[in-house]
Amino acid sequence: MRIVYHLGAHCTDEERLLRCLLKNRGTLADQGIAVPGPARYRMLVRDTAVSLNGRPASRDTQALVLDQIMEEATADRLVLSWENFLAFPQWVLRGALYPSAGDRMRAITRIFPEIGAEFHLAVRNPATFIPALMARQRGRSYAEVMKGLHPQDLLWSDLVRDIREANPEVPLTIWCDEDTPLIWPEVLRAVSGHAPRTVLEGTDDLLAGLMSPEGLARLTAALSAHPPRTVKARRRITAEHLERHGRPEQLEQEIDLPGWTPALAEALTAQYDDDIARIAALPGVRLIAA
């Protein structure tokens, strides 16, 4: 068996991936892919990792935890998804992005030291990620959250290196949240590992939230009338319809943070593009690019 950990990040997926996979539990189960409900494992995994304190779990403990997580007797692939695997929102920015992520995931994988693991993570342009994260800080001010950090100090590549250095045997798949509408089928397959040509329900739910109903209907009709022969062609058609029929309130974000200017947002975006290139070159990392 292989355990797949979908790590978020915060303000990216908003549980869409898990909802889609849960909607298709029966289809995936037929392929040996287990997708348990989150209540079965989130607190259990966290509490077990804390109690082990970095030690590998015994076989008895592993069997006990798996029995509580899984309804199935066996599975080839077990998918666990939680944006708080790396940190709770109030601890995301503490001198860096997710500064304890590598150690946390090492402790979690030690629950099942004999089972292979995979990590999957969406990243987001800090120009929109930081404002979105601020909205989840429960009354804490911008100054309290940043604690002297400058937005340009925050690099996703630092997080990725930390995770890889602490977990060198675990492959890591990365994608940009901004690209998700174009690469959603590839993201779903990367995480679940389902067979090619598997038809999943609810794969249009993401686009339905970004486009007008008329626009989504036109996109669906276009893809049905002339099925694209390549992934690149499907992404091009999707991008064209998003541009024509996208909902501005969903595709645009107003930024209102102390000291932030359009120039800073542009600088963060340029830095983010460079950072993604660095991530793509790191060993053990797969980037799903649009």
C-alpha atoms as a PDB file:
ATOM      1  CA  MET A   1       0.000   0.000   0.000  1.00  0.00           C
ATOM      2  CA  ARG A   2       0.969   3.610  -0.502  1.00  0.00           C
ATOM      3  CA  ILE A   3      -0.259   6.543   1.596  1.00  0.00           C
ATOM      4  CA  VAL A   4      -0.901   9.814  -0.200  1.00  0.00           C
ATOM      5  CA  TYR A   5      -0.888  13.035   1.830  1.00  0.00           C
ATOM      6  CA  HIS A   6      -2.541  16.062   0.241  1.00  0.00           C
ATOM      7  CA  LEU A   7      -1.085  18.958   2.239  1.00  0.00           C
ATOM      8  CA  GLY A   8      -3.082  21.981   1.099  1.00  0.00           C
ATOM      9  CA  ALA A   9      -1.701  24.627   1.238  1.00  0.00           C
ATOM     10  CA  HIS A  10      -4.120  26.928   3.020  1.00  0.00           C
ATOM     11  CA  CYS A  11      -6.184  29.235   0.799  1.00  0.00           C
ATOM     12  CA  THR A  12      -5.742  27.026  -2.240  1.00  0.00           C
ATOM     13  CA  ASP A  13      -7.899  23.927  -2.460  1.00  0.00           C
ATOM     14  CA  GLU A  14     -10.607  24.721   0.123  1.00  0.00           C
ATOM     15  CA  GLU A  15     -11.477  20.989   0.286  1.00  0.00           C
ATOM     16  CA  ARG A  16     -12.523  20.762  -3.375  1.00  0.00           C
ATOM     17  CA  LEU A  17     -10.171  17.895  -4.132  1.00  0.00           C
ATOM     18  CA  LEU A  18     -11.327  15.826  -1.183  1.00  0.00           C
ATOM     19  CA  ARG A  19     -15.007  16.487  -1.944  1.00  0.00           C
ATOM     20  CA  CYS A  20     -14.523  15.311  -5.521  1.00  0.00           C
ATOM     21  CA  LEU A  21     -12.706  12.138  -4.477  1.00  0.00           C
ATOM     22  CA  LEU A  22     -15.287  11.358  -1.789  1.00  0.00           C
ATOM     23  CA  LYS A  23     -18.013  11.755  -4.405  1.00  0.00           C
ATOM     24  CA  ASN A  24     -16.254   9.003  -6.366  1.00  0.00           C
ATOM     25  CA  ARG A  25     -15.358   6.664  -3.514  1.00  0.00           C
ATOM     26  CA  GLY A  26     -17.074   3.685  -5.091  1.00  0.00           C
ATOM     27  CA  THR A  27     -15.363   4.085  -8.463  1.00  0.00           C
ATOM     28  CA  LEU A  28     -11.985   4.585  -6.795  1.00  0.00           C
ATOM     29  CA  ALA A  29     -12.495   1.678  -4.391  1.00  0.00           C
ATOM     30  CA  ASP A  30     -12.964  -0.609  -7.388  1.00  0.00           C
ATOM     31  CA  GLN A  31      -9.405   0.363  -8.352  1.00  0.00           C
ATOM     32  CA  GLY A  32      -7.970  -0.279  -4.885  1.00  0.00           C
ATOM     33  CA  ILE A  33      -7.972   3.410  -3.886  1.00  0.00           C
ATOM     34  CA  ALA A  34      -9.333   4.211  -0.412  1.00  0.00           C
ATOM     35  CA  VAL A  35     -10.607   7.723   0.353  1.00  0.00           C
ATOM     36  CA  PRO A  36     -11.791   7.820   3.972  1.00  0.00           C
ATOM     37  CA  GLY A  37     -13.878  10.621   5.408  1.00  0.00           C
ATOM     38  CA  PRO A  38     -11.739  13.275   7.105  1.00  0.00           C
ATOM     39  CA  ALA A  39     -13.247  12.719  10.559  1.00  0.00           C
ATOM     40  CA  ARG A  40     -11.703   9.254  10.567  1.00  0.00           C
ATOM     41  CA  TYR A  41      -8.100  10.418  10.418  1.00  0.00           C
ATOM     42  CA  ARG A  42      -7.354  14.119  10.875  1.00  0.00           C
ATOM     43  CA  MET A  43      -7.220  14.363  14.661  1.00  0.00           C
ATOM     44  CA  LEU A  44      -6.126  10.732  14.909  1.00  0.00           C
ATOM     45  CA  VAL A  45      -3.056  11.295  12.742  1.00  0.00           C
ATOM     46  CA  ARG A  46      -2.151  14.516  14.526  1.00  0.00           C
ATOM     47  CA  ASP A  47      -2.518  13.034  18.010  1.00  0.00           C
ATOM     48  CA  THR A  48      -0.668   9.838  17.102  1.00  0.00           C
ATOM     49  CA  ALA A  49       2.264  11.787  15.671  1.00  0.00           C
ATOM     50  CA  VAL A  50       2.429  13.904  18.828  1.00  0.00           C
ATOM     51  CA  SER A  51       2.370  10.844  21.092  1.00  0.00           C
ATOM     52  CA  LEU A  52       5.117   9.109  19.111  1.00  0.00           C
ATOM     53  CA  ASN A  53       7.323  12.232  19.338  1.00  0.00           C
ATOM     54  CA  GLY A  54       9.308  11.263  16.237  1.00  0.00           C
ATOM     55  CA  ARG A  55       9.645   7.568  17.046  1.00  0.00           C
ATOM     56  CA  PRO A  56       8.481   5.002  14.474  1.00  0.00           C
ATOM     57  CA  ALA A  57       5.214   3.341  15.400  1.00  0.00           C
ATOM     58  CA  SER A  58       5.177  -0.323  16.287  1.00  0.00           C
ATOM     59  CA  ARG A  59       3.378  -2.728  13.981  1.00  0.00           C
ATOM     60  CA  ASP A  60       0.582  -3.044  16.508  1.00  0.00           C
ATOM     61  CA  THR A  61       0.135   0.744  16.570  1.00  0.00           C
ATOM     62  CA  GLN A  62       0.210   0.928  12.791  1.00  0.00           C
ATOM     63  CA  ALA A  63      -2.452  -1.757  12.518  1.00  0.00           C
ATOM     64  CA  LEU A  64      -4.617  -0.041  15.129  1.00  0.00           C
ATOM     65  CA  VAL A  65      -4.422   3.354  13.403  1.00  0.00           C
ATOM     66  CA  LEU A  66      -5.084   1.903   9.956  1.00  0.00           C
ATOM     67  CA  ASP A  67      -8.073   0.002  11.301  1.00  0.00           C
ATOM     68  CA  GLN A  68      -9.556   3.265  12.568  1.00  0.00           C
ATOM     69  CA  ILE A  69      -8.864   5.109   9.294  1.00  0.00           C
ATOM     70  CA  MET A  70      -9.927   2.546   6.724  1.00  0.00           C
ATOM     71  CA  GLU A  71     -13.303   0.954   6.180  1.00  0.00           C
ATOM     72  CA  GLU A  72     -11.853  -1.329   3.521  1.00  0.00           C
ATOM     73  CA  ALA A  73      -9.993  -4.500   4.493  1.00  0.00           C
ATOM     74  CA  THR A  74      -7.204  -3.712   2.030  1.00  0.00           C
ATOM     75  CA  ALA A  75      -6.201  -1.020  -0.435  1.00  0.00           C
ATOM     76  CA  ASP A  76      -3.352  -0.278  -2.810  1.00  0.00           C
ATOM     77  CA  ARG A  77      -3.556   3.461  -2.183  1.00  0.00           C
ATOM     78  CA  LEU A  78      -4.860   5.472   0.772  1.00  0.00           C
ATOM     79  CA  VAL A  79      -5.578   9.187   0.250  1.00  0.00           C
ATOM     80  CA  LEU A  80      -5.471  11.552   3.256  1.00  0.00           C
ATOM     81  CA  SER A  81      -6.162  15.252   2.763  1.00  0.00           C
ATOM     82  CA  TRP A  82      -5.869  18.107   5.270  1.00  0.00           C
ATOM     83  CA  GLU A  83      -4.629  21.665   4.853  1.00  0.00           C
ATOM     84  CA  ASN A  84      -3.506  21.617   8.508  1.00  0.00           C
ATOM     85  CA  PHE A  85      -1.026  18.775   8.074  1.00  0.00           C
ATOM     86  CA  LEU A  86       1.746  21.387   7.737  1.00  0.00           C
ATOM     87  CA  ALA A  87       0.434  23.880  10.323  1.00  0.00           C
ATOM     88  CA  PHE A  88      -2.724  25.539  11.555  1.00  0.00           C
ATOM     89  CA  PRO A  89      -3.386  28.939   9.940  1.00  0.00           C
ATOM     90  CA  GLN A  90      -2.034  30.959  12.865  1.00  0.00           C
ATOM     91  CA  TRP A  91       1.341  29.181  12.590  1.00  0.00           C
ATOM     92  CA  VAL A  92       1.870  29.412   8.823  1.00  0.00           C
ATOM     93  CA  LEU A  93       4.074  32.525   9.021  1.00  0.00           C
ATOM     94  CA  ARG A  94       6.730  32.275  11.735  1.00  0.00           C
ATOM     95  CA  GLY A  95       9.890  33.644  10.186  1.00  0.00           C
ATOM     96  CA  ALA A  96       9.180  31.708   6.994  1.00  0.00           C
ATOM     97  CA  LEU A  97       6.390  29.847   5.229  1.00  0.00           C
ATOM     98  CA  TYR A  98       5.440  26.782   7.290  1.00  0.00           C
ATOM     99  CA  PRO A  99       8.785  26.673   9.145  1.00  0.00           C
ATOM    100  CA  SER A 100       8.021  23.347  10.886  1.00  0.00           C
ATOM    101  CA  ALA A 101       6.599  21.561   7.830  1.00  0.00           C
ATOM    102  CA  GLY A 102       9.495  19.194   7.200  1.00  0.00           C
ATOM    103  CA  ASP A 103       9.620  17.942  10.775  1.00  0.00           C
ATOM    104  CA  ARG A 104       5.840  17.678  11.018  1.00  0.00           C
ATOM    105  CA  MET A 105       5.577  15.517   7.923  1.00  0.00           C
ATOM    106  CA  ARG A 106       8.506  13.390   9.062  1.00  0.00           C
ATOM    107  CA  ALA A 107       6.688  12.767  12.344  1.00  0.00           C
ATOM    108  CA  ILE A 108       3.476  11.892  10.499  1.00  0.00           C
ATOM    109  CA  THR A 109       5.120   9.447   8.108  1.00  0.00           C
ATOM    110  CA  ARG A 110       6.731   7.735  11.120  1.00  0.00           C
ATOM    111  CA  ILE A 111       3.252   6.525  12.044  1.00  0.00           C
ATOM    112  CA  PHE A 112       3.581   4.157   9.074  1.00  0.00           C
ATOM    113  CA  PRO A 113       7.353   3.699   8.692  1.00  0.00           C
ATOM    114  CA  GLU A 114       7.006   0.587   6.536  1.00  0.00           C
ATOM    115  CA  ILE A 115       4.503   2.071   4.078  1.00  0.00           C
ATOM    116  CA  GLY A 116       5.607   4.240   1.154  1.00  0.00           C
ATOM    117  CA  ALA A 117       4.280   7.783   1.050  1.00  0.00           C
ATOM    118  CA  GLU A 118       3.653  10.643  -1.381  1.00  0.00           C
ATOM    119  CA  PHE A 119       3.166  14.355  -0.705  1.00  0.00           C
ATOM    120  CA  HIS A 120       1.004  16.643  -2.858  1.00  0.00           C
ATOM    121  CA  LEU A 121       0.891  20.411  -2.416  1.00  0.00           C
ATOM    122  CA  ALA A 122      -0.605  23.431  -4.175  1.00  0.00           C
ATOM    123  CA  VAL A 123       1.237  26.737  -3.850  1.00  0.00           C
ATOM    124  CA  ARG A 124      -0.074  30.233  -4.497  1.00  0.00           C
ATOM    125  CA  ASN A 125       1.326  33.604  -5.493  1.00  0.00           C
ATOM    126  CA  PRO A 126       2.228  35.392  -2.217  1.00  0.00           C
ATOM    127  CA  ALA A 127       0.628  38.536  -3.678  1.00  0.00           C
ATOM    128  CA  THR A 128      -2.754  36.856  -3.154  1.00  0.00           C
ATOM    129  CA  PHE A 129      -1.830  34.134  -0.655  1.00  0.00           C
ATOM    130  CA  ILE A 130      -0.839  36.514   2.153  1.00  0.00           C
ATOM    131  CA  PRO A 131      -4.045  38.616   1.892  1.00  0.00           C
ATOM    132  CA  ALA A 132      -6.159  35.441   1.811  1.00  0.00           C
ATOM    133  CA  LEU A 133      -4.294  34.014   4.795  1.00  0.00           C
ATOM    134  CA  MET A 134      -4.808  37.258   6.712  1.00  0.00           C
ATOM    135  CA  ALA A 135      -8.567  36.748   6.402  1.00  0.00           C
ATOM    136  CA  ARG A 136      -8.178  33.566   8.463  1.00  0.00           C
ATOM    137  CA  GLN A 137      -6.207  35.052  11.350  1.00  0.00           C
ATOM    138  CA  ARG A 138      -9.113  35.571  13.781  1.00  0.00           C
ATOM    139  CA  GLY A 139      -8.564  39.231  14.560  1.00  0.00           C
ATOM    140  CA  ARG A 140      -4.756  39.270  14.542  1.00  0.00           C
ATOM    141  CA  SER A 141      -3.317  42.352  12.856  1.00  0.00           C
ATOM    142  CA  TYR A 142      -1.047  42.301   9.842  1.00  0.00           C
ATOM    143  CA  ALA A 143       1.882  43.400  12.019  1.00  0.00           C
ATOM    144  CA  GLU A 144       1.190  40.617  14.533  1.00  0.00           C
ATOM    145  CA  VAL A 145       1.119  37.995  11.799  1.00  0.00           C
ATOM    146  CA  MET A 146       4.175  39.159   9.863  1.00  0.00           C
ATOM    147  CA  LYS A 147       6.334  39.999  12.926  1.00  0.00           C
ATOM    148  CA  GLY A 148       8.802  42.034  10.897  1.00  0.00           C
ATOM    149  CA  LEU A 149       8.806  39.745   7.875  1.00  0.00           C
ATOM    150  CA  HIS A 150       8.729  41.371   4.467  1.00  0.00           C
ATOM    151  CA  PRO A 151       6.441  39.644   1.953  1.00  0.00           C
ATOM    152  CA  GLN A 152       9.399  39.086  -0.358  1.00  0.00           C
ATOM    153  CA  ASP A 153      11.099  37.041   2.370  1.00  0.00           C
ATOM    154  CA  LEU A 154       8.532  34.277   1.874  1.00  0.00           C
ATOM    155  CA  LEU A 155       9.574  31.676  -0.700  1.00  0.00           C
ATOM    156  CA  TRP A 156       7.753  28.437  -1.462  1.00  0.00           C
ATOM    157  CA  SER A 157      11.050  26.913  -2.580  1.00  0.00           C
ATOM    158  CA  ASP A 158      12.308  27.185   1.018  1.00  0.00           C
ATOM    159  CA  LEU A 159       9.291  25.172   2.166  1.00  0.00           C
ATOM    160  CA  VAL A 160       9.771  22.566  -0.543  1.00  0.00           C
ATOM    161  CA  ARG A 161      13.458  22.145   0.334  1.00  0.00           C
ATOM    162  CA  ASP A 162      12.564  21.772   4.006  1.00  0.00           C
ATOM    163  CA  ILE A 163      10.026  19.037   3.265  1.00  0.00           C
ATOM    164  CA  ARG A 164      12.401  17.224   0.938  1.00  0.00           C
ATOM    165  CA  GLU A 165      15.394  17.407   3.283  1.00  0.00           C
ATOM    166  CA  ALA A 166      13.384  15.997   6.178  1.00  0.00           C
ATOM    167  CA  ASN A 167      11.680  13.381   3.964  1.00  0.00           C
ATOM    168  CA  PRO A 168      14.137  12.580   1.149  1.00  0.00           C
ATOM    169  CA  GLU A 169      12.474   9.245   0.375  1.00  0.00           C
ATOM    170  CA  VAL A 170       9.030  10.798  -0.224  1.00  0.00           C
ATOM    171  CA  PRO A 171       8.260  12.182  -3.709  1.00  0.00           C
ATOM    172  CA  LEU A 172       6.539  15.562  -3.767  1.00  0.00           C
ATOM    173  CA  THR A 173       4.094  16.786  -6.421  1.00  0.00           C
ATOM    174  CA  ILE A 174       3.541  20.548  -6.706  1.00  0.00           C
ATOM    175  CA  TRP A 175       1.142  22.685  -8.705  1.00  0.00           C
ATOM    176  CA  CYS A 176       0.236  26.366  -8.778  1.00  0.00           C
ATOM    177  CA  ASP A 177      -3.197  27.201  -7.431  1.00  0.00           C
ATOM    178  CA  GLU A 178      -3.625  29.756 -10.206  1.00  0.00           C
ATOM    179  CA  ASP A 179      -3.307  26.953 -12.764  1.00  0.00           C
ATOM    180  CA  THR A 180      -5.740  24.578 -11.074  1.00  0.00           C
ATOM    181  CA  PRO A 181      -8.744  25.325 -13.349  1.00  0.00           C
ATOM    182  CA  LEU A 182      -6.637  24.271 -16.346  1.00  0.00           C
ATOM    183  CA  ILE A 183      -4.930  21.236 -14.808  1.00  0.00           C
ATOM    184  CA  TRP A 184      -7.685  19.919 -12.525  1.00  0.00           C
ATOM    185  CA  PRO A 185      -7.994  16.474 -14.189  1.00  0.00           C
ATOM    186  CA  GLU A 186      -4.217  15.993 -13.916  1.00  0.00           C
ATOM    187  CA  VAL A 187      -4.250  17.055 -10.253  1.00  0.00           C
ATOM    188  CA  LEU A 188      -7.053  14.630  -9.423  1.00  0.00           C
ATOM    189  CA  ARG A 189      -5.260  11.768 -11.124  1.00  0.00           C
ATOM    190  CA  ALA A 190      -1.896  12.610  -9.540  1.00  0.00           C
ATOM    191  CA  VAL A 191      -3.411  12.469  -6.060  1.00  0.00           C
ATOM    192  CA  SER A 192      -5.814   9.568  -6.443  1.00  0.00           C
ATOM    193  CA  GLY A 193      -3.770   7.508  -8.884  1.00  0.00           C
ATOM    194  CA  HIS A 194      -6.894   6.391 -10.734  1.00  0.00           C
ATOM    195  CA  ALA A 195      -6.617   4.621 -14.061  1.00  0.00           C
ATOM    196  CA  PRO A 196      -6.545   6.582 -17.328  1.00  0.00           C
ATOM    197  CA  ARG A 197      -9.962   7.278 -18.866  1.00  0.00           C
ATOM    198  CA  THR A 198     -11.690   6.865 -15.523  1.00  0.00           C
ATOM    199  CA  VAL A 199     -14.764   9.098 -15.497  1.00  0.00           C
ATOM    200  CA  LEU A 200     -15.140  10.957 -12.199  1.00  0.00           C
ATOM    201  CA  GLU A 201     -18.271  12.794 -11.115  1.00  0.00           C
ATOM    202  CA  GLY A 202     -18.010  16.422 -10.080  1.00  0.00           C
ATOM    203  CA  THR A 203     -14.937  17.321 -12.097  1.00  0.00           C
ATOM    204  CA  ASP A 204     -16.743  20.432 -13.360  1.00  0.00           C
ATOM    205  CA  ASP A 205     -17.513  21.751  -9.877  1.00  0.00           C
ATOM    206  CA  LEU A 206     -14.355  23.885  -9.784  1.00  0.00           C
ATOM    207  CA  LEU A 207     -15.082  25.566 -13.123  1.00  0.00           C
ATOM    208  CA  ALA A 208     -18.736  25.979 -12.150  1.00  0.00           C
ATOM    209  CA  GLY A 209     -17.612  28.296  -9.375  1.00  0.00           C
ATOM    210  CA  LEU A 210     -15.457  30.384 -11.709  1.00  0.00           C
ATOM    211  CA  MET A 211     -17.656  30.698 -14.790  1.00  0.00           C
ATOM    212  CA  SER A 212     -21.179  31.712 -15.614  1.00  0.00           C
ATOM    213  CA  PRO A 213     -23.588  28.782 -16.136  1.00  0.00           C
ATOM    214  CA  GLU A 214     -23.848  29.753 -19.800  1.00  0.00           C
ATOM    215  CA  GLY A 215     -20.070  29.759 -20.135  1.00  0.00           C
ATOM    216  CA  LEU A 216     -19.704  26.338 -18.523  1.00  0.00           C
ATOM    217  CA  ALA A 217     -22.408  24.958 -20.787  1.00  0.00           C
ATOM    218  CA  ARG A 218     -20.580  26.303 -23.837  1.00  0.00           C
ATOM    219  CA  LEU A 219     -17.283  24.827 -22.637  1.00  0.00           C
ATOM    220  CA  THR A 220     -18.894  21.434 -22.046  1.00  0.00           C
ATOM    221  CA  ALA A 221     -20.504  21.539 -25.481  1.00  0.00           C
ATOM    222  CA  ALA A 222     -17.221  22.513 -27.134  1.00  0.00           C
ATOM    223  CA  LEU A 223     -15.318  19.680 -25.469  1.00  0.00           C
ATOM    224  CA  SER A 224     -18.058  17.185 -26.363  1.00  0.00           C
ATOM    225  CA  ALA A 225     -18.429  18.279 -29.977  1.00  0.00           C
ATOM    226  CA  HIS A 226     -14.708  18.247 -30.661  1.00  0.00           C
ATOM    227  CA  PRO A 227     -12.926  16.190 -27.975  1.00  0.00           C
ATOM    228  CA  PRO A 228      -9.378  17.539 -27.656  1.00  0.00           C
ATOM    229  CA  ARG A 229      -6.704  15.058 -28.641  1.00  0.00           C
ATOM    230  CA  THR A 230      -4.143  16.322 -26.167  1.00  0.00           C
ATOM    231  CA  VAL A 231      -4.029  17.714 -22.649  1.00  0.00           C
ATOM    232  CA  LYS A 232      -2.553  20.916 -24.072  1.00  0.00           C
ATOM    233  CA  ALA A 233      -5.522  21.353 -26.404  1.00  0.00           C
ATOM    234  CA  ARG A 234      -8.034  20.831 -23.581  1.00  0.00           C
ATOM    235  CA  ARG A 235      -6.249  23.414 -21.445  1.00  0.00           C
ATOM    236  CA  ARG A 236      -6.257  25.920 -24.316  1.00  0.00           C
ATOM    237  CA  ILE A 237     -10.003  25.530 -24.855  1.00  0.00           C
ATOM    238  CA  THR A 238     -10.676  25.817 -21.121  1.00  0.00           C
ATOM    239  CA  ALA A 239      -8.523  28.946 -20.851  1.00  0.00           C
ATOM    240  CA  GLU A 240     -10.353  30.579 -23.758  1.00  0.00           C
ATOM    241  CA  HIS A 241     -13.754  29.973 -22.156  1.00  0.00           C
ATOM    242  CA  LEU A 242     -12.551  31.163 -18.751  1.00  0.00           C
ATOM    243  CA  GLU A 243     -11.363  34.391 -20.343  1.00  0.00           C
ATOM    244  CA  ARG A 244     -14.702  34.939 -22.074  1.00  0.00           C
ATOM    245  CA  HIS A 245     -17.087  33.704 -19.396  1.00  0.00           C
ATOM    246  CA  GLY A 246     -15.199  33.916 -16.109  1.00  0.00           C
ATOM    247  CA  ARG A 247     -16.802  35.614 -13.120  1.00  0.00           C
ATOM    248  CA  PRO A 248     -14.669  38.673 -12.285  1.00  0.00           C
ATOM    249  CA  GLU A 249     -15.551  38.482  -8.587  1.00  0.00           C
ATOM    250  CA  GLN A 250     -14.100  34.962  -8.477  1.00  0.00           C
ATOM    251  CA  LEU A 251     -11.057  35.560 -10.658  1.00  0.00           C
ATOM    252  CA  GLU A 252      -9.952  38.883  -9.169  1.00  0.00           C
ATOM    253  CA  GLN A 253      -8.927  39.710  -5.606  1.00  0.00           C
ATOM    254  CA  GLU A 254      -8.845  43.126  -4.018  1.00  0.00           C
ATOM    255  CA  ILE A 255      -5.786  43.632  -1.800  1.00  0.00           C
ATOM    256  CA  ASP A 256      -5.921  45.990   1.164  1.00  0.00           C
ATOM    257  CA  LEU A 257      -2.977  45.454   3.500  1.00  0.00           C
ATOM    258  CA  PRO A 258      -0.766  48.043   5.252  1.00  0.00           C
ATOM    259  CA  GLY A 259       2.064  49.203   3.020  1.00  0.00           C
ATOM    260  CA  TRP A 260       0.999  47.138   0.024  1.00  0.00           C
ATOM    261  CA  THR A 261       1.153  48.815  -3.381  1.00  0.00           C
ATOM    262  CA  PRO A 262       0.580  47.652  -6.959  1.00  0.00           C
ATOM    263  CA  ALA A 263       4.372  47.735  -7.383  1.00  0.00           C
ATOM    264  CA  LEU A 264       4.833  45.296  -4.490  1.00  0.00           C
ATOM    265  CA  ALA A 265       2.214  42.946  -5.924  1.00  0.00           C
ATOM    266  CA  GLU A 266       4.011  43.004  -9.284  1.00  0.00           C
ATOM    267  CA  ALA A 267       7.356  42.328  -7.612  1.00  0.00           C
ATOM    268  CA  LEU A 268       5.902  39.417  -5.645  1.00  0.00           C
ATOM    269  CA  THR A 269       4.408  37.950  -8.807  1.00  0.00           C
ATOM    270  CA  ALA A 270       7.715  38.157 -10.674  1.00  0.00           C
ATOM    271  CA  GLN A 271       9.515  36.600  -7.716  1.00  0.00           C
ATOM    272  CA  TYR A 272       6.888  33.842  -7.544  1.00  0.00           C
ATOM    273  CA  ASP A 273       7.452  32.952 -11.199  1.00  0.00           C
ATOM    274  CA  ASP A 274      11.184  32.636 -10.527  1.00  0.00           C
ATOM    275  CA  ASP A 275      10.503  30.608  -7.396  1.00  0.00           C
ATOM    276  CA  ILE A 276       8.361  28.113  -9.304  1.00  0.00           C
ATOM    277  CA  ALA A 277      11.226  27.609 -11.757  1.00  0.00           C
ATOM    278  CA  ARG A 278      13.526  26.852  -8.809  1.00  0.00           C
ATOM    279  CA  ILE A 279      11.019  24.366  -7.400  1.00  0.00           C
ATOM    280  CA  ALA A 280      10.707  22.577 -10.747  1.00  0.00           C
ATOM    281  CA  ALA A 281      14.471  21.993 -10.763  1.00  0.00           C
ATOM    282  CA  LEU A 282      14.617  20.421  -7.302  1.00  0.00           C
ATOM    283  CA  PRO A 283      15.266  16.661  -7.117  1.00  0.00           C
ATOM    284  CA  GLY A 284      12.348  14.505  -6.056  1.00  0.00           C
ATOM    285  CA  VAL A 285       9.830  17.168  -7.072  1.00  0.00           C
ATOM    286  CA  ARG A 286       7.271  16.897  -9.847  1.00  0.00           C
ATOM    287  CA  LEU A 287       5.615  20.105 -11.047  1.00  0.00           C
ATOM    288  CA  ILE A 288       2.233  19.872 -12.777  1.00  0.00           C
ATOM    289  CA  ALA A 289       2.547  22.889 -15.045  1.00  0.00           C
ATOM    290  CA  ALA A 290      -0.177  24.451 -17.142  1.00  0.00           C
END
